[in-house]
Protein backbone atom coordinates (compact mmCIF):
# COMPACT_ATOMS: atom_id res chain seq x y z
CA UNK A 1 11.90 -4.77 -2.28
CA UNK A 2 8.91 -5.18 -4.60
CA UNK A 3 5.48 -3.62 -4.77
CA UNK A 4 3.05 -5.72 -2.81
CA UNK A 5 -0.54 -6.64 -3.37
CA UNK A 6 -1.69 -3.02 -3.26
CA UNK A 7 -0.36 0.40 -4.16
CA UNK A 8 0.73 1.41 -0.65
CA UNK A 9 2.37 -1.85 0.48
CA UNK A 10 5.72 -3.37 -0.41
CA UNK A 11 6.98 -6.88 0.35
CA UNK A 12 10.21 -8.82 0.45
CA UNK A 13 11.07 -12.41 1.37
CA UNK A 14 13.95 -14.62 2.43
CA UNK A 15 14.38 -18.26 3.56
CA UNK A 16 14.04 -18.81 7.29
CA UNK A 17 17.53 -19.64 8.60
CA UNK A 18 16.18 -22.24 11.04
CA UNK A 19 13.23 -23.88 9.27
CA UNK A 20 12.12 -24.95 5.80
CA UNK A 21 9.89 -22.05 4.77
CA UNK A 22 10.00 -18.53 3.38
CA UNK A 23 9.59 -15.48 5.59
CA UNK A 24 7.75 -12.50 4.12
CA UNK A 25 7.83 -8.94 5.41
CA UNK A 26 5.71 -5.95 4.42
CA UNK A 27 6.00 -2.18 4.52
CA UNK A 28 2.88 -0.06 4.86
CA UNK A 29 3.03 3.49 3.53
CA UNK A 30 0.02 5.55 4.51
CA UNK A 31 -0.55 9.09 5.76
CA UNK A 32 3.15 9.74 5.02
CA UNK A 33 4.09 7.06 7.55
CA UNK A 34 6.27 3.99 6.95
CA UNK A 35 5.49 0.97 9.12
CA UNK A 36 7.23 -2.42 8.91
CA UNK A 37 5.21 -5.59 9.50
CA UNK A 38 6.97 -8.84 10.55
CA UNK A 39 10.26 -7.82 8.86
CA UNK A 40 12.80 -10.56 8.02
CA UNK A 41 16.41 -9.40 7.79
CA UNK A 42 18.10 -9.18 4.39
CA UNK A 43 21.33 -7.35 3.44
CA UNK A 44 20.79 -3.64 2.84
CA UNK A 45 17.26 -3.71 4.24
CA UNK A 46 17.34 -0.31 5.96
CA UNK A 47 18.81 1.47 2.93
CA UNK A 48 16.07 -0.01 0.75
CA UNK A 49 13.41 1.13 3.20
CA UNK A 50 14.77 4.68 3.14
CA UNK A 51 14.04 4.85 -0.59
CA UNK A 52 10.36 4.65 0.36
CA UNK A 53 10.48 6.97 3.36
CA UNK A 54 11.75 7.17 6.92
CA UNK A 55 10.51 4.14 8.89
CA UNK A 56 8.64 4.84 12.09
CA UNK A 57 8.18 1.45 13.76
CA UNK A 58 8.03 -2.33 13.54
CA UNK A 59 4.78 -4.15 14.33
CA UNK A 60 4.62 -7.93 14.76
CA UNK A 61 1.46 -9.96 14.17
CA UNK A 62 2.80 -12.65 16.50
CA UNK A 63 5.73 -12.86 18.88
CA UNK A 64 6.88 -15.83 16.80
CA UNK A 65 7.96 -13.32 14.13
CA UNK A 66 10.77 -11.48 15.94
CA UNK A 67 12.90 -11.72 12.78
CA UNK A 68 14.87 -8.46 12.28
CA UNK A 69 13.13 -6.56 15.07
CA UNK A 70 16.03 -6.52 17.54
CA UNK A 71 18.45 -5.38 14.82
CA UNK A 72 16.19 -2.57 13.61
CA UNK A 73 15.42 -1.42 17.13
CA UNK A 74 19.00 -1.41 18.39
CA UNK A 75 20.74 -0.18 15.25
CA UNK A 76 18.23 2.38 14.00
CA UNK A 77 16.02 3.11 17.00
CA UNK A 78 12.75 1.87 15.51
CA UNK A 79 10.10 1.32 18.14
CA UNK A 80 8.94 -2.30 18.29
CA UNK A 81 5.28 -3.21 18.90
CA UNK A 82 4.57 -6.80 19.92
CA UNK A 83 1.13 -8.31 20.50
CA UNK A 84 -0.05 -9.18 23.97
CA UNK A 85 0.00 -12.93 23.39
CA UNK A 86 -0.57 -16.10 25.41
CA UNK A 87 2.84 -17.55 26.27
CA UNK A 88 1.59 -21.04 25.35
CA UNK A 89 1.33 -19.97 21.71
CA UNK A 90 4.93 -18.75 21.47
CA UNK A 91 7.79 -20.93 20.26
CA UNK A 92 10.41 -21.08 23.06
CA UNK A 93 13.10 -20.05 20.57
CA UNK A 94 11.20 -16.87 19.79
CA UNK A 95 10.52 -16.19 23.46
CA UNK A 96 14.30 -15.98 23.92
CA UNK A 97 14.62 -13.59 20.97
CA UNK A 98 11.88 -11.35 22.36
CA UNK A 99 14.09 -10.65 25.38
CA UNK A 100 16.92 -9.72 23.00
CA UNK A 101 14.82 -6.93 21.50
CA UNK A 102 15.14 -4.89 24.66
CA UNK A 103 12.50 -2.22 25.19
CA UNK A 104 9.27 -2.68 23.26
CA UNK A 105 5.62 -1.71 23.38
CA UNK A 106 2.77 -4.21 23.57
CA UNK A 107 -0.63 -3.90 21.95
CA UNK A 108 -3.96 -5.69 22.18
CA UNK A 109 -7.19 -5.38 20.19
CA UNK A 110 -7.73 -1.80 19.11
CA UNK A 111 -5.59 0.84 17.45
CA UNK A 112 -1.84 0.59 16.94
CA UNK A 113 -0.16 3.37 14.92
CA UNK A 114 -3.27 3.96 12.84
CA UNK A 115 -3.85 0.27 12.14
CA UNK A 116 -6.69 -1.76 13.62
CA UNK A 117 -5.36 -4.74 15.61
CA UNK A 118 -7.80 -7.66 15.57
CA UNK A 119 -7.33 -10.81 17.69
CA UNK A 120 -7.59 -13.86 15.45
CA UNK A 121 -6.82 -17.24 16.94
CA UNK A 122 -3.63 -17.03 19.01
CA UNK A 123 -2.36 -14.12 16.91
CA UNK A 124 -3.39 -10.69 15.70
CA UNK A 125 -4.02 -9.34 12.25
CA UNK A 126 -3.55 -5.70 11.29
CA UNK A 127 -6.14 -3.93 9.14
CA UNK A 128 -6.22 -0.56 7.41
CA UNK A 129 -9.31 1.55 6.79
CA UNK A 130 -9.12 0.80 3.06
CA UNK A 131 -9.34 -2.98 3.41
CA UNK A 132 -5.75 -4.25 3.66
CA UNK A 133 -5.32 -7.02 6.25
CA UNK A 134 -1.91 -8.40 7.30
CA UNK A 135 -1.92 -11.88 8.83
CA UNK A 136 0.72 -13.89 10.68
CA UNK A 137 0.93 -17.68 10.54
CA UNK A 138 -2.67 -18.83 10.37
CA UNK A 139 -3.80 -17.48 6.96
CA UNK A 140 -2.00 -17.11 3.64
CA UNK A 141 -2.53 -17.29 -0.10
CA UNK A 142 -1.22 -20.02 -2.37
CA UNK A 143 0.40 -19.71 -5.78
CA UNK A 144 -3.03 -19.92 -7.46
CA UNK A 145 -4.50 -17.06 -5.45
CA UNK A 146 -6.56 -19.24 -3.10
CA UNK A 147 -6.88 -18.71 0.65
CA UNK A 148 -5.24 -21.33 2.85
CA UNK A 149 -6.17 -21.53 6.54
CA UNK A 150 -3.66 -23.05 8.98
CA UNK A 151 -1.21 -23.88 6.16
CA UNK A 152 -0.03 -27.49 6.42
CA UNK A 153 3.50 -26.80 5.19
CA UNK A 154 4.54 -25.16 8.44
CA UNK A 155 6.70 -27.28 10.69
CA UNK A 156 4.90 -27.64 14.03
CA UNK A 157 6.99 -26.20 16.84
CA UNK A 158 6.00 -26.63 20.47
CA UNK A 159 4.14 -25.40 22.37
CA UNK A 160 1.64 -23.81 19.94
CA UNK A 161 -1.99 -23.86 21.04
CA UNK A 162 -3.22 -26.00 18.16
CA UNK A 163 -1.93 -27.79 15.09
CA UNK A 164 -3.84 -28.48 11.92
CA UNK A 165 -3.86 -32.26 12.47
CA UNK A 166 -5.45 -31.73 15.90
CA UNK A 167 -8.38 -29.70 14.56
CA UNK A 168 -11.64 -31.59 14.16
CA UNK A 169 -14.32 -30.72 11.60
CA UNK A 170 -16.24 -28.44 13.98
CA UNK A 171 -13.11 -26.50 14.91
CA UNK A 172 -12.20 -26.04 11.26
CA UNK A 173 -15.70 -24.78 10.50
CA UNK A 174 -15.51 -22.34 13.41
CA UNK A 175 -12.13 -21.08 12.24
CA UNK A 176 -13.41 -20.69 8.69
CA UNK A 177 -16.47 -18.78 9.90
CA UNK A 178 -14.34 -16.51 12.08
CA UNK A 179 -12.15 -15.68 9.10
CA UNK A 180 -15.14 -14.92 6.85
CA UNK A 181 -16.67 -12.68 9.52
CA UNK A 182 -13.38 -10.87 10.02
CA UNK A 183 -12.99 -10.15 6.31
CA UNK A 184 -16.58 -8.96 5.94
CA UNK A 185 -16.60 -6.79 9.07
CA UNK A 186 -13.30 -5.13 8.15
CA UNK A 187 -14.31 -4.73 4.49
CA UNK A 188 -11.21 -6.74 3.60
CA UNK A 189 -10.00 -6.40 0.01
CA UNK A 190 -6.34 -7.44 0.15
CA UNK A 191 -4.61 -10.13 2.21
CA UNK A 192 -0.94 -9.73 3.13
CA UNK A 193 0.70 -12.92 4.38
CA UNK A 194 3.85 -13.42 6.45
CA UNK A 195 4.49 -16.69 4.61
CA UNK A 196 3.35 -17.74 1.16
CA UNK A 197 1.54 -15.35 -1.16
CA UNK A 198 -0.51 -12.18 -0.87
CA UNK A 199 -4.01 -11.98 -2.34
CA UNK A 200 -4.62 -8.72 -4.16
CA UNK A 201 -7.84 -6.73 -4.34
CA UNK A 202 -10.27 -9.67 -4.64
CA UNK A 203 -10.32 -11.06 -1.11
CA UNK A 204 -14.10 -10.83 -0.74
CA UNK A 205 -14.66 -13.06 -3.77
CA UNK A 206 -12.21 -15.68 -2.43
CA UNK A 207 -13.75 -16.31 0.99
CA UNK A 208 -16.25 -18.85 -0.35
CA UNK A 209 -13.44 -21.11 -1.61
CA UNK A 210 -10.88 -21.81 1.08
CA UNK A 211 -8.90 -24.85 2.14
CA UNK A 212 -6.91 -26.04 5.14
């Protein structure tokens, strides 16, 4: 577990066991609360979390990020919060794993455990009052600290709503504009990504230089 892109967030990562990419999870610590975002499973995860505080819940940005949710819910009783998401945007493999979680809460745009849930594309992002925004699959940072929209290194898995190679110029411009508006309206300062790299403290200055 390492300190993330800001003082009250931690991150960890592990290779996806089924696909060729790295999963990243985050822990938010605010108002004496510990919330897990899109947590991948690694050995000793719960013991490491306890060093930071007692975890309250797991929140997913997309139902395609079930990851360690079922384990944490069944073994340790953490409440799971999954977004209210169009079934056409969910990988069938993850749809099966969602049922394995058991009982869970769903959320839509609005407030979830003190975080602001914002619909963005087929997913949700989670924002704090002090400008931290956690994204799922459709935004990340690269190794140079640049913003990447719809990262092209993800393996397409049916039946997602859209793939990068199916987006025309107008759709890309609309997606870019929606991201810029989201960052400005939420006073975004830090981007936390479920794959790839976080962008720390200078998000506003990066939104004029993005790539697909």
